[in-house]
Amino acid sequence: MKLSDIMGAANLSVYAEIAMILFIAAFVVIVIKTFAPGRQKTFDAASRMPLDDEHPQTPR
């Protein structure tokens, strides 16, 4: 019996499907958090930070 026969009979494709579902869920959460309306002010302030000479900020 070959290793490929053993691995094929183990039915491990379920793990790949679970991993894909987790990846899609994480991707959706990140996209929603990124494009949420409340985050617009934060992104605007961060985009102006390198050019703001009047109110210099130290990076985290």
PDB file of N, CA and C in Angstrom:
ATOM      1  N   MET A   1       0.843  -1.174   0.000  1.00  0.00           N
ATOM      2  CA  MET A   1       0.000   0.000   0.000  1.00  0.00           C
ATOM      3  C   MET A   1       0.890   1.239   0.000  1.00  0.00           C
ATOM      4  N   LYS A   2       0.546   2.202  -0.872  1.00  0.00           N
ATOM      5  CA  LYS A   2       1.329   3.430  -1.010  1.00  0.00           C
ATOM      6  C   LYS A   2       0.785   4.506  -0.065  1.00  0.00           C
ATOM      7  N   LEU A   3       1.634   5.468   0.203  1.00  0.00           N
ATOM      8  CA  LEU A   3       1.239   6.580   1.066  1.00  0.00           C
ATOM      9  C   LEU A   3       0.089   7.375   0.448  1.00  0.00           C
ATOM     10  N   SER A   4       0.102   7.531  -0.860  1.00  0.00           N
ATOM     11  CA  SER A   4      -0.976   8.279  -1.509  1.00  0.00           C
ATOM     12  C   SER A   4      -2.314   7.564  -1.344  1.00  0.00           C
ATOM     13  N   ASP A   5      -2.320   6.241  -1.289  1.00  0.00           N
ATOM     14  CA  ASP A   5      -3.559   5.494  -1.044  1.00  0.00           C
ATOM     15  C   ASP A   5      -4.067   5.740   0.378  1.00  0.00           C
ATOM     16  N   ILE A   6      -3.152   5.768   1.323  1.00  0.00           N
ATOM     17  CA  ILE A   6      -3.532   5.986   2.721  1.00  0.00           C
ATOM     18  C   ILE A   6      -4.087   7.392   2.901  1.00  0.00           C
ATOM     19  N   MET A   7      -3.400   8.373   2.318  1.00  0.00           N
ATOM     20  CA  MET A   7      -3.844   9.761   2.466  1.00  0.00           C
ATOM     21  C   MET A   7      -5.157   9.999   1.725  1.00  0.00           C
ATOM     22  N   GLY A   8      -5.350   9.339   0.611  1.00  0.00           N
ATOM     23  CA  GLY A   8      -6.592   9.477  -0.133  1.00  0.00           C
ATOM     24  C   GLY A   8      -7.772   8.890   0.620  1.00  0.00           C
ATOM     25  N   ALA A   9      -7.530   7.810   1.346  1.00  0.00           N
ATOM     26  CA  ALA A   9      -8.598   7.160   2.103  1.00  0.00           C
ATOM     27  C   ALA A   9      -8.889   7.887   3.416  1.00  0.00           C
ATOM     28  N   ALA A  10      -8.005   8.778   3.849  1.00  0.00           N
ATOM     29  CA  ALA A  10      -8.183   9.466   5.126  1.00  0.00           C
ATOM     30  C   ALA A  10      -9.242  10.559   5.036  1.00  0.00           C
ATOM     31  N   ASN A  11      -9.643  10.955   3.828  1.00  0.00           N
ATOM     32  CA  ASN A  11     -10.678  11.967   3.615  1.00  0.00           C
ATOM     33  C   ASN A  11     -10.345  13.278   4.334  1.00  0.00           C
ATOM     34  N   LEU A  12      -9.174  13.829   4.011  1.00  0.00           N
ATOM     35  CA  LEU A  12      -8.715  15.056   4.646  1.00  0.00           C
ATOM     36  C   LEU A  12      -9.168  16.315   3.916  1.00  0.00           C
ATOM     37  N   SER A  13      -9.993  16.185   2.917  1.00  0.00           N
ATOM     38  CA  SER A  13     -10.444  17.359   2.168  1.00  0.00           C
ATOM     39  C   SER A  13     -11.348  18.250   3.009  1.00  0.00           C
ATOM     40  N   VAL A  14     -11.904  17.715   4.074  1.00  0.00           N
ATOM     41  CA  VAL A  14     -12.766  18.504   4.954  1.00  0.00           C
ATOM     42  C   VAL A  14     -11.970  19.647   5.583  1.00  0.00           C
ATOM     43  N   TYR A  15     -10.713  19.411   5.911  1.00  0.00           N
ATOM     44  CA  TYR A  15      -9.884  20.448   6.525  1.00  0.00           C
ATOM     45  C   TYR A  15      -9.652  21.607   5.557  1.00  0.00           C
ATOM     46  N   ALA A  16      -9.483  21.320   4.287  1.00  0.00           N
ATOM     47  CA  ALA A  16      -9.300  22.381   3.298  1.00  0.00           C
ATOM     48  C   ALA A  16     -10.572  23.204   3.170  1.00  0.00           C
ATOM     49  N   GLU A  17     -11.714  22.570   3.219  1.00  0.00           N
ATOM     50  CA  GLU A  17     -12.974  23.298   3.123  1.00  0.00           C
ATOM     51  C   GLU A  17     -13.200  24.176   4.356  1.00  0.00           C
ATOM     52  N   ILE A  18     -12.870  23.675   5.523  1.00  0.00           N
ATOM     53  CA  ILE A  18     -12.998  24.462   6.759  1.00  0.00           C
ATOM     54  C   ILE A  18     -12.051  25.656   6.723  1.00  0.00           C
ATOM     55  N   ALA A  19     -10.833  25.441   6.245  1.00  0.00           N
ATOM     56  CA  ALA A  19      -9.864  26.529   6.145  1.00  0.00           C
ATOM     57  C   ALA A  19     -10.351  27.602   5.179  1.00  0.00           C
ATOM     58  N   MET A  20     -10.964  27.195   4.073  1.00  0.00           N
ATOM     59  CA  MET A  20     -11.480  28.167   3.112  1.00  0.00           C
ATOM     60  C   MET A  20     -12.626  28.985   3.716  1.00  0.00           C
ATOM     61  N   ILE A  21     -13.496  28.350   4.459  1.00  0.00           N
ATOM     62  CA  ILE A  21     -14.600  29.065   5.105  1.00  0.00           C
ATOM     63  C   ILE A  21     -14.063  30.058   6.131  1.00  0.00           C
ATOM     64  N   LEU A  22     -13.070  29.653   6.922  1.00  0.00           N
ATOM     65  CA  LEU A  22     -12.476  30.567   7.905  1.00  0.00           C
ATOM     66  C   LEU A  22     -11.789  31.747   7.225  1.00  0.00           C
ATOM     67  N   PHE A  23     -11.100  31.490   6.120  1.00  0.00           N
ATOM     68  CA  PHE A  23     -10.433  32.560   5.391  1.00  0.00           C
ATOM     69  C   PHE A  23     -11.447  33.554   4.846  1.00  0.00           C
ATOM     70  N   ILE A  24     -12.524  33.067   4.248  1.00  0.00           N
ATOM     71  CA  ILE A  24     -13.539  33.953   3.694  1.00  0.00           C
ATOM     72  C   ILE A  24     -14.197  34.768   4.807  1.00  0.00           C
ATOM     73  N   ALA A  25     -14.467  34.150   5.943  1.00  0.00           N
ATOM     74  CA  ALA A  25     -15.079  34.868   7.064  1.00  0.00           C
ATOM     75  C   ALA A  25     -14.144  35.971   7.563  1.00  0.00           C
ATOM     76  N   ALA A  26     -12.855  35.673   7.706  1.00  0.00           N
ATOM     77  CA  ALA A  26     -11.899  36.677   8.157  1.00  0.00           C
ATOM     78  C   ALA A  26     -11.782  37.809   7.137  1.00  0.00           C
ATOM     79  N   PHE A  27     -11.787  37.473   5.858  1.00  0.00           N
ATOM     80  CA  PHE A  27     -11.692  38.479   4.808  1.00  0.00           C
ATOM     81  C   PHE A  27     -12.896  39.408   4.840  1.00  0.00           C
ATOM     82  N   VAL A  28     -14.079  38.857   5.010  1.00  0.00           N
ATOM     83  CA  VAL A  28     -15.299  39.670   5.057  1.00  0.00           C
ATOM     84  C   VAL A  28     -15.272  40.600   6.262  1.00  0.00           C
ATOM     85  N   VAL A  29     -14.833  40.103   7.406  1.00  0.00           N
ATOM     86  CA  VAL A  29     -14.764  40.938   8.611  1.00  0.00           C
ATOM     87  C   VAL A  29     -13.772  42.082   8.405  1.00  0.00           C
ATOM     88  N   ILE A  30     -12.637  41.812   7.810  1.00  0.00           N
ATOM     89  CA  ILE A  30     -11.634  42.854   7.577  1.00  0.00           C
ATOM     90  C   ILE A  30     -12.159  43.900   6.606  1.00  0.00           C
ATOM     91  N   VAL A  31     -12.823  43.464   5.552  1.00  0.00           N
ATOM     92  CA  VAL A  31     -13.367  44.409   4.576  1.00  0.00           C
ATOM     93  C   VAL A  31     -14.447  45.280   5.220  1.00  0.00           C
ATOM     94  N   ILE A  32     -15.313  44.685   6.017  1.00  0.00           N
ATOM     95  CA  ILE A  32     -16.369  45.462   6.678  1.00  0.00           C
ATOM     96  C   ILE A  32     -15.767  46.475   7.643  1.00  0.00           C
ATOM     97  N   LYS A  33     -14.763  46.067   8.424  1.00  0.00           N
ATOM     98  CA  LYS A  33     -14.139  47.003   9.357  1.00  0.00           C
ATOM     99  C   LYS A  33     -13.389  48.116   8.627  1.00  0.00           C
ATOM    100  N   THR A  34     -12.810  47.800   7.487  1.00  0.00           N
ATOM    101  CA  THR A  34     -12.059  48.799   6.742  1.00  0.00           C
ATOM    102  C   THR A  34     -12.968  49.851   6.132  1.00  0.00           C
ATOM    103  N   PHE A  35     -14.086  49.433   5.572  1.00  0.00           N
ATOM    104  CA  PHE A  35     -14.963  50.355   4.872  1.00  0.00           C
ATOM    105  C   PHE A  35     -16.153  50.817   5.706  1.00  0.00           C
ATOM    106  N   ALA A  36     -16.099  50.620   7.000  1.00  0.00           N
ATOM    107  CA  ALA A  36     -17.176  51.092   7.874  1.00  0.00           C
ATOM    108  C   ALA A  36     -17.195  52.621   7.876  1.00  0.00           C
ATOM    109  N   PRO A  37     -18.377  53.225   7.915  1.00  0.00           N
ATOM    110  CA  PRO A  37     -18.454  54.688   7.864  1.00  0.00           C
ATOM    111  C   PRO A  37     -17.730  55.387   9.017  1.00  0.00           C
ATOM    112  N   GLY A  38     -17.661  54.796  10.171  1.00  0.00           N
ATOM    113  CA  GLY A  38     -17.016  55.427  11.316  1.00  0.00           C
ATOM    114  C   GLY A  38     -15.504  55.487  11.203  1.00  0.00           C
ATOM    115  N   ARG A  39     -14.919  54.714  10.328  1.00  0.00           N
ATOM    116  CA  ARG A  39     -13.465  54.680  10.183  1.00  0.00           C
ATOM    117  C   ARG A  39     -12.946  55.754   9.240  1.00  0.00           C
ATOM    118  N   GLN A  40     -13.820  56.470   8.562  1.00  0.00           N
ATOM    119  CA  GLN A  40     -13.402  57.462   7.570  1.00  0.00           C
ATOM    120  C   GLN A  40     -12.560  58.568   8.201  1.00  0.00           C
ATOM    121  N   LYS A  41     -12.945  59.062   9.375  1.00  0.00           N
ATOM    122  CA  LYS A  41     -12.174  60.127  10.044  1.00  0.00           C
ATOM    123  C   LYS A  41     -10.768  59.647  10.385  1.00  0.00           C
ATOM    124  N   THR A  42     -10.664  58.437  10.873  1.00  0.00           N
ATOM    125  CA  THR A  42      -9.355  57.885  11.233  1.00  0.00           C
ATOM    126  C   THR A  42      -8.444  57.801  10.025  1.00  0.00           C
ATOM    127  N   PHE A  43      -8.976  57.334   8.905  1.00  0.00           N
ATOM    128  CA  PHE A  43      -8.162  57.206   7.697  1.00  0.00           C
ATOM    129  C   PHE A  43      -7.798  58.571   7.128  1.00  0.00           C
ATOM    130  N   ASP A  44      -8.703  59.532   7.215  1.00  0.00           N
ATOM    131  CA  ASP A  44      -8.393  60.882   6.733  1.00  0.00           C
ATOM    132  C   ASP A  44      -7.276  61.513   7.560  1.00  0.00           C
ATOM    133  N   ALA A  45      -7.362  61.363   8.870  1.00  0.00           N
ATOM    134  CA  ALA A  45      -6.315  61.918   9.740  1.00  0.00           C
ATOM    135  C   ALA A  45      -4.975  61.234   9.487  1.00  0.00           C
ATOM    136  N   ALA A  46      -4.993  59.963   9.292  1.00  0.00           N
ATOM    137  CA  ALA A  46      -3.749  59.232   9.038  1.00  0.00           C
ATOM    138  C   ALA A  46      -3.155  59.600   7.678  1.00  0.00           C
ATOM    139  N   SER A  47      -4.008  59.890   6.701  1.00  0.00           N
ATOM    140  CA  SER A  47      -3.486  60.244   5.379  1.00  0.00           C
ATOM    141  C   SER A  47      -2.858  61.632   5.375  1.00  0.00           C
ATOM    142  N   ARG A  48      -3.311  62.524   6.256  1.00  0.00           N
ATOM    143  CA  ARG A  48      -2.738  63.860   6.318  1.00  0.00           C
ATOM    144  C   ARG A  48      -1.549  63.956   7.273  1.00  0.00           C
ATOM    145  N   MET A  49      -1.292  62.956   8.043  1.00  0.00           N
ATOM    146  CA  MET A  49      -0.249  63.001   9.069  1.00  0.00           C
ATOM    147  C   MET A  49       1.145  63.325   8.508  1.00  0.00           C
ATOM    148  N   PRO A  50       1.587  62.755   7.393  1.00  0.00           N
ATOM    149  CA  PRO A  50       2.945  63.077   6.924  1.00  0.00           C
ATOM    150  C   PRO A  50       3.103  64.526   6.465  1.00  0.00           C
ATOM    151  N   LEU A  51       2.028  65.183   6.078  1.00  0.00           N
ATOM    152  CA  LEU A  51       2.113  66.548   5.556  1.00  0.00           C
ATOM    153  C   LEU A  51       1.718  67.611   6.569  1.00  0.00           C
ATOM    154  N   ASP A  52       1.302  67.229   7.756  1.00  0.00           N
ATOM    155  CA  ASP A  52       0.804  68.169   8.757  1.00  0.00           C
ATOM    156  C   ASP A  52       1.972  68.746   9.557  1.00  0.00           C
ATOM    157  N   ASP A  53       2.338  70.010   9.253  1.00  0.00           N
ATOM    158  CA  ASP A  53       3.441  70.651   9.970  1.00  0.00           C
ATOM    159  C   ASP A  53       2.965  71.404  11.195  1.00  0.00           C
ATOM    160  N   GLU A  54       1.693  71.773  11.231  1.00  0.00           N
ATOM    161  CA  GLU A  54       1.182  72.549  12.348  1.00  0.00           C
ATOM    162  C   GLU A  54       0.938  71.688  13.600  1.00  0.00           C
ATOM    163  N   HIS A  55       0.520  70.477  13.391  1.00  0.00           N
ATOM    164  CA  HIS A  55       0.226  69.561  14.500  1.00  0.00           C
ATOM    165  C   HIS A  55       0.993  68.245  14.304  1.00  0.00           C
ATOM    166  N   PRO A  56       2.301  68.275  14.515  1.00  0.00           N
ATOM    167  CA  PRO A  56       3.074  67.042  14.290  1.00  0.00           C
ATOM    168  C   PRO A  56       2.675  65.954  15.296  1.00  0.00           C
ATOM    169  N   GLN A  57       2.626  64.738  14.809  1.00  0.00           N
ATOM    170  CA  GLN A  57       2.279  63.598  15.641  1.00  0.00           C
ATOM    171  C   GLN A  57       3.413  62.591  15.614  1.00  0.00           C
ATOM    172  N   THR A  58       3.611  61.975  16.729  1.00  0.00           N
ATOM    173  CA  THR A  58       4.618  60.922  16.762  1.00  0.00           C
ATOM    174  C   THR A  58       3.946  59.602  16.421  1.00  0.00           C
ATOM    175  N   PRO A  59       4.590  58.803  15.593  1.00  0.00           N
ATOM    176  CA  PRO A  59       3.991  57.517  15.263  1.00  0.00           C
ATOM    177  C   PRO A  59       3.953  56.590  16.479  1.00  0.00           C
ATOM    178  N   ARG A  60       3.071  55.634  16.448  1.00  0.00           N
ATOM    179  CA  ARG A  60       2.941  54.700  17.567  1.00  0.00           C
ATOM    180  C   ARG A  60       4.144  53.840  17.721  1.00  0.00           C
TER     181      ARG A  60
END
